PDB file of N, CA and C in Angstrom:
ATOM      1  N   MET A   1     -19.358  13.689   0.624  1.00  0.00           N
ATOM      2  CA  MET A   1     -18.883  12.589   1.426  1.00  0.00           C
ATOM      3  C   MET A   1     -17.673  11.967   0.722  1.00  0.00           C
ATOM      4  N   SER A   2     -16.676  11.614   1.494  1.00  0.00           N
ATOM      5  CA  SER A   2     -15.472  10.975   0.959  1.00  0.00           C
ATOM      6  C   SER A   2     -15.486   9.487   1.247  1.00  0.00           C
ATOM      7  N   TYR A   3     -14.882   8.742   0.335  1.00  0.00           N
ATOM      8  CA  TYR A   3     -14.673   7.315   0.515  1.00  0.00           C
ATOM      9  C   TYR A   3     -13.180   7.065   0.540  1.00  0.00           C
ATOM     10  N   HIS A   4     -12.773   6.021   1.223  1.00  0.00           N
ATOM     11  CA  HIS A   4     -11.358   5.714   1.373  1.00  0.00           C
ATOM     12  C   HIS A   4     -11.100   4.253   1.052  1.00  0.00           C
ATOM     13  N   SER A   5      -9.896   3.998   0.536  1.00  0.00           N
ATOM     14  CA  SER A   5      -9.471   2.619   0.347  1.00  0.00           C
ATOM     15  C   SER A   5      -8.023   2.498   0.768  1.00  0.00           C
ATOM     16  N   LEU A   6      -7.674   1.333   1.258  1.00  0.00           N
ATOM     17  CA  LEU A   6      -6.309   1.015   1.663  1.00  0.00           C
ATOM     18  C   LEU A   6      -6.102  -0.454   1.327  1.00  0.00           C
ATOM     19  N   ARG A   7      -5.124  -0.707   0.454  1.00  0.00           N
ATOM     20  CA  ARG A   7      -4.903  -2.069  -0.018  1.00  0.00           C
ATOM     21  C   ARG A   7      -3.415  -2.382  -0.111  1.00  0.00           C
ATOM     22  N   ILE A   8      -3.119  -3.663  -0.038  1.00  0.00           N
ATOM     23  CA  ILE A   8      -1.794  -4.175  -0.360  1.00  0.00           C
ATOM     24  C   ILE A   8      -1.939  -4.787  -1.744  1.00  0.00           C
ATOM     25  N   GLU A   9      -1.114  -4.339  -2.683  1.00  0.00           N
ATOM     26  CA  GLU A   9      -1.221  -4.761  -4.072  1.00  0.00           C
ATOM     27  C   GLU A   9       0.070  -5.432  -4.523  1.00  0.00           C
ATOM     28  N   ALA A  10      -0.038  -6.278  -5.535  1.00  0.00           N
ATOM     29  CA  ALA A  10       1.129  -6.935  -6.134  1.00  0.00           C
ATOM     30  C   ALA A  10       1.198  -6.560  -7.608  1.00  0.00           C
ATOM     31  N   PHE A  11       2.279  -5.908  -7.977  1.00  0.00           N
ATOM     32  CA  PHE A  11       2.542  -5.525  -9.358  1.00  0.00           C
ATOM     33  C   PHE A  11       3.622  -6.443  -9.919  1.00  0.00           C
ATOM     34  N   ALA A  12       3.734  -6.484 -11.232  1.00  0.00           N
ATOM     35  CA  ALA A  12       4.852  -7.184 -11.859  1.00  0.00           C
ATOM     36  C   ALA A  12       6.145  -6.474 -11.472  1.00  0.00           C
ATOM     37  N   THR A  13       7.225  -7.218 -11.302  1.00  0.00           N
ATOM     38  CA  THR A  13       8.501  -6.603 -10.928  1.00  0.00           C
ATOM     39  C   THR A  13       9.005  -5.658 -12.010  1.00  0.00           C
ATOM     40  N   SER A  14       8.532  -5.807 -13.222  1.00  0.00           N
ATOM     41  CA  SER A  14       8.954  -4.940 -14.329  1.00  0.00           C
ATOM     42  C   SER A  14       8.150  -3.644 -14.396  1.00  0.00           C
ATOM     43  N   THR A  15       7.254  -3.409 -13.442  1.00  0.00           N
ATOM     44  CA  THR A  15       6.415  -2.213 -13.443  1.00  0.00           C
ATOM     45  C   THR A  15       7.279  -0.963 -13.375  1.00  0.00           C
ATOM     46  N   THR A  16       7.004  -0.013 -14.254  1.00  0.00           N
ATOM     47  CA  THR A  16       7.770   1.240 -14.311  1.00  0.00           C
ATOM     48  C   THR A  16       7.140   2.290 -13.400  1.00  0.00           C
ATOM     49  N   VAL A  17       7.873   3.368 -13.166  1.00  0.00           N
ATOM     50  CA  VAL A  17       7.349   4.491 -12.381  1.00  0.00           C
ATOM     51  C   VAL A  17       6.090   5.036 -13.047  1.00  0.00           C
ATOM     52  N   GLU A  18       6.122   5.159 -14.365  1.00  0.00           N
ATOM     53  CA  GLU A  18       4.960   5.671 -15.089  1.00  0.00           C
ATOM     54  C   GLU A  18       3.734   4.789 -14.849  1.00  0.00           C
ATOM     55  N   GLU A  19       3.939   3.476 -14.811  1.00  0.00           N
ATOM     56  CA  GLU A  19       2.821   2.566 -14.561  1.00  0.00           C
ATOM     57  C   GLU A  19       2.334   2.664 -13.118  1.00  0.00           C
ATOM     58  N   LEU A  20       3.256   2.855 -12.169  1.00  0.00           N
ATOM     59  CA  LEU A  20       2.838   3.020 -10.767  1.00  0.00           C
ATOM     60  C   LEU A  20       1.993   4.273 -10.582  1.00  0.00           C
ATOM     61  N   GLU A  21       2.187   5.251 -11.443  1.00  0.00           N
ATOM     62  CA  GLU A  21       1.462   6.512 -11.329  1.00  0.00           C
ATOM     63  C   GLU A  21       0.277   6.594 -12.294  1.00  0.00           C
ATOM     64  N   ALA A  22      -0.048   5.493 -12.957  1.00  0.00           N
ATOM     65  CA  ALA A  22      -1.149   5.473 -13.920  1.00  0.00           C
ATOM     66  C   ALA A  22      -2.404   4.866 -13.290  1.00  0.00           C
ATOM     67  N   PRO A  23      -3.539   5.544 -13.401  1.00  0.00           N
ATOM     68  CA  PRO A  23      -4.766   5.030 -12.782  1.00  0.00           C
ATOM     69  C   PRO A  23      -5.315   3.777 -13.456  1.00  0.00           C
ATOM     70  N   TRP A  24      -4.983   3.545 -14.701  1.00  0.00           N
ATOM     71  CA  TRP A  24      -5.538   2.391 -15.413  1.00  0.00           C
ATOM     72  C   TRP A  24      -4.776   1.101 -15.159  1.00  0.00           C
ATOM     73  N   VAL A  25      -3.625   1.171 -14.511  1.00  0.00           N
ATOM     74  CA  VAL A  25      -2.868  -0.038 -14.176  1.00  0.00           C
ATOM     75  C   VAL A  25      -3.450  -0.618 -12.899  1.00  0.00           C
ATOM     76  N   ARG A  26      -4.111  -1.760 -13.028  1.00  0.00           N
ATOM     77  CA  ARG A  26      -4.760  -2.394 -11.880  1.00  0.00           C
ATOM     78  C   ARG A  26      -3.997  -3.656 -11.510  1.00  0.00           C
ATOM     79  N   PRO A  27      -3.357  -3.649 -10.379  1.00  0.00           N
ATOM     80  CA  PRO A  27      -2.586  -4.809  -9.936  1.00  0.00           C
ATOM     81  C   PRO A  27      -3.471  -5.868  -9.274  1.00  0.00           C
ATOM     82  N   GLN A  28      -2.833  -6.939  -8.850  1.00  0.00           N
ATOM     83  CA  GLN A  28      -3.511  -7.982  -8.076  1.00  0.00           C
ATOM     84  C   GLN A  28      -3.631  -7.493  -6.635  1.00  0.00           C
ATOM     85  N   THR A  29      -4.828  -7.540  -6.066  1.00  0.00           N
ATOM     86  CA  THR A  29      -5.013  -7.148  -4.676  1.00  0.00           C
ATOM     87  C   THR A  29      -4.631  -8.322  -3.781  1.00  0.00           C
ATOM     88  N   VAL A  30      -3.673  -8.073  -2.901  1.00  0.00           N
ATOM     89  CA  VAL A  30      -3.218  -9.078  -1.937  1.00  0.00           C
ATOM     90  C   VAL A  30      -4.108  -9.034  -0.705  1.00  0.00           C
ATOM     91  N   SER A  31      -4.415  -7.815  -0.245  1.00  0.00           N
ATOM     92  CA  SER A  31      -5.250  -7.653   0.943  1.00  0.00           C
ATOM     93  C   SER A  31      -5.974  -6.312   0.880  1.00  0.00           C
ATOM     94  N   ASN A  32      -7.258  -6.344   1.139  1.00  0.00           N
ATOM     95  CA  ASN A  32      -8.054  -5.139   1.220  1.00  0.00           C
ATOM     96  C   ASN A  32      -8.167  -4.771   2.696  1.00  0.00           C
ATOM     97  N   LEU A  33      -7.588  -3.654   3.063  1.00  0.00           N
ATOM     98  CA  LEU A  33      -7.577  -3.220   4.466  1.00  0.00           C
ATOM     99  C   LEU A  33      -8.637  -2.144   4.703  1.00  0.00           C
ATOM    100  N   ALA A  34      -9.830  -2.390   4.199  1.00  0.00           N
ATOM    101  CA  ALA A  34     -10.909  -1.403   4.237  1.00  0.00           C
ATOM    102  C   ALA A  34     -11.219  -0.915   5.649  1.00  0.00           C
ATOM    103  N   GLU A  35     -11.107  -1.797   6.634  1.00  0.00           N
ATOM    104  CA  GLU A  35     -11.449  -1.393   8.008  1.00  0.00           C
ATOM    105  C   GLU A  35     -10.479  -0.357   8.578  1.00  0.00           C
ATOM    106  N   TYR A  36      -9.321  -0.194   7.942  1.00  0.00           N
ATOM    107  CA  TYR A  36      -8.334   0.790   8.391  1.00  0.00           C
ATOM    108  C   TYR A  36      -8.305   2.032   7.505  1.00  0.00           C
ATOM    109  N   ALA A  37      -9.004   1.996   6.384  1.00  0.00           N
ATOM    110  CA  ALA A  37      -8.875   3.027   5.358  1.00  0.00           C
ATOM    111  C   ALA A  37      -9.310   4.414   5.815  1.00  0.00           C
ATOM    112  N   PHE A  38     -10.384   4.507   6.569  1.00  0.00           N
ATOM    113  CA  PHE A  38     -10.875   5.834   6.947  1.00  0.00           C
ATOM    114  C   PHE A  38      -9.909   6.541   7.892  1.00  0.00           C
ATOM    115  N   SER A  39      -9.244   5.799   8.753  1.00  0.00           N
ATOM    116  CA  SER A  39      -8.325   6.419   9.713  1.00  0.00           C
ATOM    117  C   SER A  39      -6.886   6.495   9.203  1.00  0.00           C
ATOM    118  N   TYR A  40      -6.612   5.876   8.052  1.00  0.00           N
ATOM    119  CA  TYR A  40      -5.245   5.891   7.523  1.00  0.00           C
ATOM    120  C   TYR A  40      -5.307   6.077   6.016  1.00  0.00           C
ATOM    121  N   GLY A  41      -5.305   7.336   5.599  1.00  0.00           N
ATOM    122  CA  GLY A  41      -5.459   7.664   4.188  1.00  0.00           C
ATOM    123  C   GLY A  41      -4.154   8.008   3.495  1.00  0.00           C
ATOM    124  N   PRO A  42      -4.251   8.584   2.308  1.00  0.00           N
ATOM    125  CA  PRO A  42      -3.071   8.900   1.514  1.00  0.00           C
ATOM    126  C   PRO A  42      -2.085   9.836   2.218  1.00  0.00           C
ATOM    127  N   PHE A  43      -2.588  10.833   2.933  1.00  0.00           N
ATOM    128  CA  PHE A  43      -1.685  11.766   3.613  1.00  0.00           C
ATOM    129  C   PHE A  43      -0.861  11.039   4.675  1.00  0.00           C
ATOM    130  N   GLN A  44      -1.497  10.198   5.476  1.00  0.00           N
ATOM    131  CA  GLN A  44      -0.792   9.461   6.521  1.00  0.00           C
ATOM    132  C   GLN A  44       0.214   8.480   5.906  1.00  0.00           C
ATOM    133  N   LEU A  45      -0.188   7.803   4.838  1.00  0.00           N
ATOM    134  CA  LEU A  45       0.717   6.866   4.182  1.00  0.00           C
ATOM    135  C   LEU A  45       1.924   7.591   3.604  1.00  0.00           C
ATOM    136  N   ALA A  46       1.707   8.727   2.963  1.00  0.00           N
ATOM    137  CA  ALA A  46       2.823   9.501   2.403  1.00  0.00           C
ATOM    138  C   ALA A  46       3.770   9.968   3.505  1.00  0.00           C
ATOM    139  N   THR A  47       3.230  10.424   4.616  1.00  0.00           N
ATOM    140  CA  THR A  47       4.062  10.870   5.738  1.00  0.00           C
ATOM    141  C   THR A  47       4.911   9.720   6.267  1.00  0.00           C
ATOM    142  N   TRP A  48       4.287   8.546   6.444  1.00  0.00           N
ATOM    143  CA  TRP A  48       5.022   7.373   6.910  1.00  0.00           C
ATOM    144  C   TRP A  48       6.121   6.997   5.928  1.00  0.00           C
ATOM    145  N   ALA A  49       5.784   6.934   4.640  1.00  0.00           N
ATOM    146  CA  ALA A  49       6.758   6.533   3.617  1.00  0.00           C
ATOM    147  C   ALA A  49       7.944   7.489   3.570  1.00  0.00           C
ATOM    148  N   LYS A  50       7.669   8.769   3.617  1.00  0.00           N
ATOM    149  CA  LYS A  50       8.754   9.757   3.571  1.00  0.00           C
ATOM    150  C   LYS A  50       9.642   9.646   4.798  1.00  0.00           C
ATOM    151  N   SER A  51       9.056   9.327   5.951  1.00  0.00           N
ATOM    152  CA  SER A  51       9.870   9.168   7.167  1.00  0.00           C
ATOM    153  C   SER A  51      10.785   7.946   7.065  1.00  0.00           C
ATOM    154  N   ARG A  52      10.435   6.998   6.206  1.00  0.00           N
ATOM    155  CA  ARG A  52      11.240   5.776   5.981  1.00  0.00           C
ATOM    156  C   ARG A  52      12.104   5.904   4.722  1.00  0.00           C
ATOM    157  N   LEU A  53      12.048   7.072   4.088  1.00  0.00           N
ATOM    158  CA  LEU A  53      12.786   7.335   2.847  1.00  0.00           C
ATOM    159  C   LEU A  53      12.369   6.396   1.716  1.00  0.00           C
ATOM    160  N   LEU A  54      11.084   6.051   1.704  1.00  0.00           N
ATOM    161  CA  LEU A  54      10.528   5.212   0.654  1.00  0.00           C
ATOM    162  C   LEU A  54       9.920   6.097  -0.434  1.00  0.00           C
ATOM    163  N   PRO A  55       9.954   5.638  -1.678  1.00  0.00           N
ATOM    164  CA  PRO A  55       9.357   6.450  -2.755  1.00  0.00           C
ATOM    165  C   PRO A  55       7.836   6.483  -2.635  1.00  0.00           C
ATOM    166  N   VAL A  56       7.277   7.640  -2.927  1.00  0.00           N
ATOM    167  CA  VAL A  56       5.826   7.819  -2.933  1.00  0.00           C
ATOM    168  C   VAL A  56       5.428   8.150  -4.368  1.00  0.00           C
ATOM    169  N   HIS A  57       4.551   7.347  -4.936  1.00  0.00           N
ATOM    170  CA  HIS A  57       4.098   7.557  -6.312  1.00  0.00           C
ATOM    171  C   HIS A  57       2.658   8.059  -6.278  1.00  0.00           C
ATOM    172  N   TYR A  58       2.458   9.238  -6.838  1.00  0.00           N
ATOM    173  CA  TYR A  58       1.138   9.864  -6.841  1.00  0.00           C
ATOM    174  C   TYR A  58       0.401   9.531  -8.137  1.00  0.00           C
ATOM    175  N   VAL A  59      -0.710   8.824  -8.015  1.00  0.00           N
ATOM    176  CA  VAL A  59      -1.593   8.599  -9.152  1.00  0.00           C
ATOM    177  C   VAL A  59      -2.364   9.895  -9.393  1.00  0.00           C
ATOM    178  N   ASP A  60      -2.821  10.506  -8.312  1.00  0.00           N
ATOM    179  CA  ASP A  60      -3.335  11.872  -8.295  1.00  0.00           C
ATOM    180  C   ASP A  60      -3.114  12.401  -6.882  1.00  0.00           C
ATOM    181  N   ASN A  61      -3.605  13.585  -6.589  1.00  0.00           N
ATOM    182  CA  ASN A  61      -3.271  14.181  -5.294  1.00  0.00           C
ATOM    183  C   ASN A  61      -3.903  13.486  -4.097  1.00  0.00           C
ATOM    184  N   SER A  62      -4.816  12.559  -4.320  1.00  0.00           N
ATOM    185  CA  SER A  62      -5.425  11.829  -3.199  1.00  0.00           C
ATOM    186  C   SER A  62      -5.396  10.311  -3.422  1.00  0.00           C
ATOM    187  N   TRP A  63      -4.423   9.861  -4.210  1.00  0.00           N
ATOM    188  CA  TRP A  63      -4.269   8.426  -4.499  1.00  0.00           C
ATOM    189  C   TRP A  63      -2.781   8.156  -4.650  1.00  0.00           C
ATOM    190  N   ILE A  64      -2.223   7.382  -3.725  1.00  0.00           N
ATOM    191  CA  ILE A  64      -0.786   7.126  -3.766  1.00  0.00           C
ATOM    192  C   ILE A  64      -0.474   5.641  -3.691  1.00  0.00           C
ATOM    193  N   ARG A  65       0.724   5.323  -4.162  1.00  0.00           N
ATOM    194  CA  ARG A  65       1.247   3.962  -4.113  1.00  0.00           C
ATOM    195  C   ARG A  65       2.672   4.011  -3.575  1.00  0.00           C
ATOM    196  N   VAL A  66       2.957   3.136  -2.604  1.00  0.00           N
ATOM    197  CA  VAL A  66       4.276   3.086  -1.971  1.00  0.00           C
ATOM    198  C   VAL A  66       4.816   1.658  -2.067  1.00  0.00           C
ATOM    199  N   PRO A  67       5.845   1.430  -2.892  1.00  0.00           N
ATOM    200  CA  PRO A  67       6.467   0.104  -2.951  1.00  0.00           C
ATOM    201  C   PRO A  67       7.206  -0.203  -1.648  1.00  0.00           C
ATOM    202  N   VAL A  68       7.066  -1.440  -1.181  1.00  0.00           N
ATOM    203  CA  VAL A  68       7.721  -1.862   0.064  1.00  0.00           C
ATOM    204  C   VAL A  68       8.281  -3.268  -0.093  1.00  0.00           C
ATOM    205  N   ASP A  69       9.245  -3.588   0.752  1.00  0.00           N
ATOM    206  CA  ASP A  69       9.700  -4.979   0.824  1.00  0.00           C
ATOM    207  C   ASP A  69       8.935  -5.666   1.959  1.00  0.00           C
ATOM    208  N   GLN A  70       9.187  -6.948   2.157  1.00  0.00           N
ATOM    209  CA  GLN A  70       8.466  -7.710   3.189  1.00  0.00           C
ATOM    210  C   GLN A  70       8.683  -7.116   4.582  1.00  0.00           C
ATOM    211  N   HIS A  71       9.905  -6.660   4.858  1.00  0.00           N
ATOM    212  CA  HIS A  71      10.219  -6.091   6.170  1.00  0.00           C
ATOM    213  C   HIS A  71       9.420  -4.810   6.413  1.00  0.00           C
ATOM    214  N   GLU A  72       9.402  -3.910   5.416  1.00  0.00           N
ATOM    215  CA  GLU A  72       8.651  -2.658   5.570  1.00  0.00           C
ATOM    216  C   GLU A  72       7.152  -2.922   5.650  1.00  0.00           C
ATOM    217  N   LEU A  73       6.675  -3.909   4.910  1.00  0.00           N
ATOM    218  CA  LEU A  73       5.257  -4.260   4.988  1.00  0.00           C
ATOM    219  C   LEU A  73       4.903  -4.710   6.401  1.00  0.00           C
ATOM    220  N   ALA A  74       5.742  -5.539   6.980  1.00  0.00           N
ATOM    221  CA  ALA A  74       5.500  -6.009   8.352  1.00  0.00           C
ATOM    222  C   ALA A  74       5.487  -4.841   9.334  1.00  0.00           C
ATOM    223  N   ARG A  75       6.443  -3.930   9.189  1.00  0.00           N
ATOM    224  CA  ARG A  75       6.490  -2.764  10.087  1.00  0.00           C
ATOM    225  C   ARG A  75       5.255  -1.893   9.921  1.00  0.00           C
ATOM    226  N   PHE A  76       4.841  -1.687   8.684  1.00  0.00           N
ATOM    227  CA  PHE A  76       3.656  -0.875   8.428  1.00  0.00           C
ATOM    228  C   PHE A  76       2.423  -1.476   9.092  1.00  0.00           C
ATOM    229  N   LEU A  77       2.228  -2.768   8.891  1.00  0.00           N
ATOM    230  CA  LEU A  77       1.043  -3.434   9.447  1.00  0.00           C
ATOM    231  C   LEU A  77       1.034  -3.402  10.970  1.00  0.00           C
ATOM    232  N   SER A  78       2.182  -3.656  11.590  1.00  0.00           N
ATOM    233  CA  SER A  78       2.201  -3.725  13.054  1.00  0.00           C
ATOM    234  C   SER A  78       2.324  -2.361  13.714  1.00  0.00           C
ATOM    235  N   GLU A  79       3.196  -1.499  13.211  1.00  0.00           N
ATOM    236  CA  GLU A  79       3.449  -0.220  13.876  1.00  0.00           C
ATOM    237  C   GLU A  79       2.468   0.878  13.503  1.00  0.00           C
ATOM    238  N   GLU A  80       2.029   0.893  12.264  1.00  0.00           N
ATOM    239  CA  GLU A  80       1.128   1.964  11.820  1.00  0.00           C
ATOM    240  C   GLU A  80      -0.346   1.603  11.984  1.00  0.00           C
ATOM    241  N   LEU A  81      -0.704   0.415  11.555  1.00  0.00           N
ATOM    242  CA  LEU A  81      -2.114   0.012  11.611  1.00  0.00           C
ATOM    243  C   LEU A  81      -2.461  -0.773  12.861  1.00  0.00           C
ATOM    244  N   HIS A  82      -1.444  -1.262  13.568  1.00  0.00           N
ATOM    245  CA  HIS A  82      -1.648  -2.093  14.755  1.00  0.00           C
ATOM    246  C   HIS A  82      -2.523  -3.308  14.436  1.00  0.00           C
ATOM    247  N   VAL A  83      -2.231  -3.894  13.278  1.00  0.00           N
ATOM    248  CA  VAL A  83      -2.942  -5.093  12.835  1.00  0.00           C
ATOM    249  C   VAL A  83      -2.558  -6.245  13.759  1.00  0.00           C
ATOM    250  N   PRO A  84      -3.523  -7.048  14.181  1.00  0.00           N
ATOM    251  CA  PRO A  84      -3.185  -8.209  15.016  1.00  0.00           C
ATOM    252  C   PRO A  84      -2.145  -9.090  14.310  1.00  0.00           C
ATOM    253  N   THR A  85      -1.271  -9.682  15.087  1.00  0.00           N
ATOM    254  CA  THR A  85      -0.154 -10.458  14.550  1.00  0.00           C
ATOM    255  C   THR A  85      -0.607 -11.533  13.576  1.00  0.00           C
ATOM    256  N   PHE A  86      -1.658 -12.271  13.912  1.00  0.00           N
ATOM    257  CA  PHE A  86      -2.111 -13.349  13.023  1.00  0.00           C
ATOM    258  C   PHE A  86      -2.525 -12.805  11.663  1.00  0.00           C
ATOM    259  N   LEU A  87      -3.157 -11.618  11.633  1.00  0.00           N
ATOM    260  CA  LEU A  87      -3.584 -11.026  10.369  1.00  0.00           C
ATOM    261  C   LEU A  87      -2.386 -10.500   9.590  1.00  0.00           C
ATOM    262  N   ALA A  88      -1.439  -9.894  10.279  1.00  0.00           N
ATOM    263  CA  ALA A  88      -0.233  -9.388   9.620  1.00  0.00           C
ATOM    264  C   ALA A  88       0.530 -10.532   8.955  1.00  0.00           C
ATOM    265  N   ILE A  89       0.633 -11.653   9.637  1.00  0.00           N
ATOM    266  CA  ILE A  89       1.315 -12.820   9.072  1.00  0.00           C
ATOM    267  C   ILE A  89       0.563 -13.312   7.841  1.00  0.00           C
ATOM    268  N   ARG A  90      -0.753 -13.373   7.918  1.00  0.00           N
ATOM    269  CA  ARG A  90      -1.552 -13.832   6.776  1.00  0.00           C
ATOM    270  C   ARG A  90      -1.378 -12.910   5.569  1.00  0.00           C
ATOM    271  N   VAL A  91      -1.370 -11.594   5.810  1.00  0.00           N
ATOM    272  CA  VAL A  91      -1.188 -10.637   4.707  1.00  0.00           C
ATOM    273  C   VAL A  91       0.192 -10.815   4.090  1.00  0.00           C
ATOM    274  N   ARG A  92       1.224 -10.897   4.917  1.00  0.00           N
ATOM    275  CA  ARG A  92       2.594 -11.059   4.394  1.00  0.00           C
ATOM    276  C   ARG A  92       2.734 -12.359   3.618  1.00  0.00           C
ATOM    277  N   GLU A  93       2.152 -13.430   4.115  1.00  0.00           N
ATOM    278  CA  GLU A  93       2.246 -14.716   3.423  1.00  0.00           C
ATOM    279  C   GLU A  93       1.429 -14.731   2.136  1.00  0.00           C
ATOM    280  N   SER A  94       0.437 -13.867   2.024  1.00  0.00           N
ATOM    281  CA  SER A  94      -0.375 -13.789   0.813  1.00  0.00           C
ATOM    282  C   SER A  94       0.327 -13.040  -0.309  1.00  0.00           C
ATOM    283  N   ALA A  95       1.327 -12.245   0.052  1.00  0.00           N
ATOM    284  CA  ALA A  95       2.056 -11.470  -0.958  1.00  0.00           C
ATOM    285  C   ALA A  95       2.888 -12.414  -1.811  1.00  0.00           C
ATOM    286  N   PRO A  96       2.612 -12.475  -3.101  1.00  0.00           N
ATOM    287  CA  PRO A  96       3.328 -13.425  -3.954  1.00  0.00           C
ATOM    288  C   PRO A  96       4.812 -13.083  -4.061  1.00  0.00           C
ATOM    289  N   LEU A  97       5.645 -14.106  -3.992  1.00  0.00           N
ATOM    290  CA  LEU A  97       7.081 -13.914  -4.141  1.00  0.00           C
ATOM    291  C   LEU A  97       7.377 -13.508  -5.577  1.00  0.00           C
ATOM    292  N   GLY A  98       8.391 -12.705  -5.746  1.00  0.00           N
ATOM    293  CA  GLY A  98       8.787 -12.285  -7.078  1.00  0.00           C
ATOM    294  C   GLY A  98       7.912 -11.201  -7.674  1.00  0.00           C
ATOM    295  N   ARG A  99       7.109 -10.551  -6.841  1.00  0.00           N
ATOM    296  CA  ARG A  99       6.256  -9.452  -7.298  1.00  0.00           C
ATOM    297  C   ARG A  99       6.632  -8.195  -6.533  1.00  0.00           C
ATOM    298  N   LEU A 100       6.304  -7.045  -7.101  1.00  0.00           N
ATOM    299  CA  LEU A 100       6.508  -5.755  -6.449  1.00  0.00           C
ATOM    300  C   LEU A 100       5.313  -5.510  -5.535  1.00  0.00           C
ATOM    301  N   ILE A 101       5.553  -5.437  -4.235  1.00  0.00           N
ATOM    302  CA  ILE A 101       4.486  -5.233  -3.250  1.00  0.00           C
ATOM    303  C   ILE A 101       4.330  -3.733  -3.003  1.00  0.00           C
ATOM    304  N   VAL A 102       3.092  -3.266  -3.052  1.00  0.00           N
ATOM    305  CA  VAL A 102       2.798  -1.840  -2.965  1.00  0.00           C
ATOM    306  C   VAL A 102       1.648  -1.622  -1.980  1.00  0.00           C
ATOM    307  N   ILE A 103       1.813  -0.627  -1.115  1.00  0.00           N
ATOM    308  CA  ILE A 103       0.709  -0.184  -0.261  1.00  0.00           C
ATOM    309  C   ILE A 103       0.033   0.968  -1.022  1.00  0.00           C
ATOM    310  N   GLU A 104      -1.264   0.851  -1.169  1.00  0.00           N
ATOM    311  CA  GLU A 104      -2.008   1.851  -1.954  1.00  0.00           C
ATOM    312  C   GLU A 104      -3.115   2.452  -1.095  1.00  0.00           C
ATOM    313  N   ALA A 105      -3.187   3.769  -1.061  1.00  0.00           N
ATOM    314  CA  ALA A 105      -4.246   4.471  -0.325  1.00  0.00           C
ATOM    315  C   ALA A 105      -4.888   5.497  -1.238  1.00  0.00           C
ATOM    316  N   GLU A 106      -6.202   5.583  -1.121  1.00  0.00           N
ATOM    317  CA  GLU A 106      -6.942   6.523  -1.971  1.00  0.00           C
ATOM    318  C   GLU A 106      -8.107   7.119  -1.192  1.00  0.00           C
ATOM    319  N   GLU A 107      -8.354   8.392  -1.463  1.00  0.00           N
ATOM    320  CA  GLU A 107      -9.545   9.072  -0.957  1.00  0.00           C
ATOM    321  C   GLU A 107     -10.275   9.606  -2.183  1.00  0.00           C
ATOM    322  N   TYR A 108     -11.543   9.306  -2.269  1.00  0.00           N
ATOM    323  CA  TYR A 108     -12.307   9.746  -3.452  1.00  0.00           C
ATOM    324  C   TYR A 108     -13.718  10.107  -3.081  1.00  0.00           C
TER     325      TYR A 108
END
């Protein structure tokens, strides 16, 4: 049986590529999107990110992190997950300013 997770995370702006790809680096969770995780996993997130020319950082072959700005986060929530507007606004407003915002998906 597989388990899935989908989260919006906040990393320090000084986070390096090596840290984005390290499993032991645990950022601050901005939003846990568990209800969407089973239908939107690492493969779907990677496909979306590549279509937007966004970098995809592989922690392993089934765990990825995609850095986004506020605009891309909004598009992801509304266009990909079809998150209700009120929830999308709450997630975006929860993202701390001055931090690196990352969408993280994992299947384990």
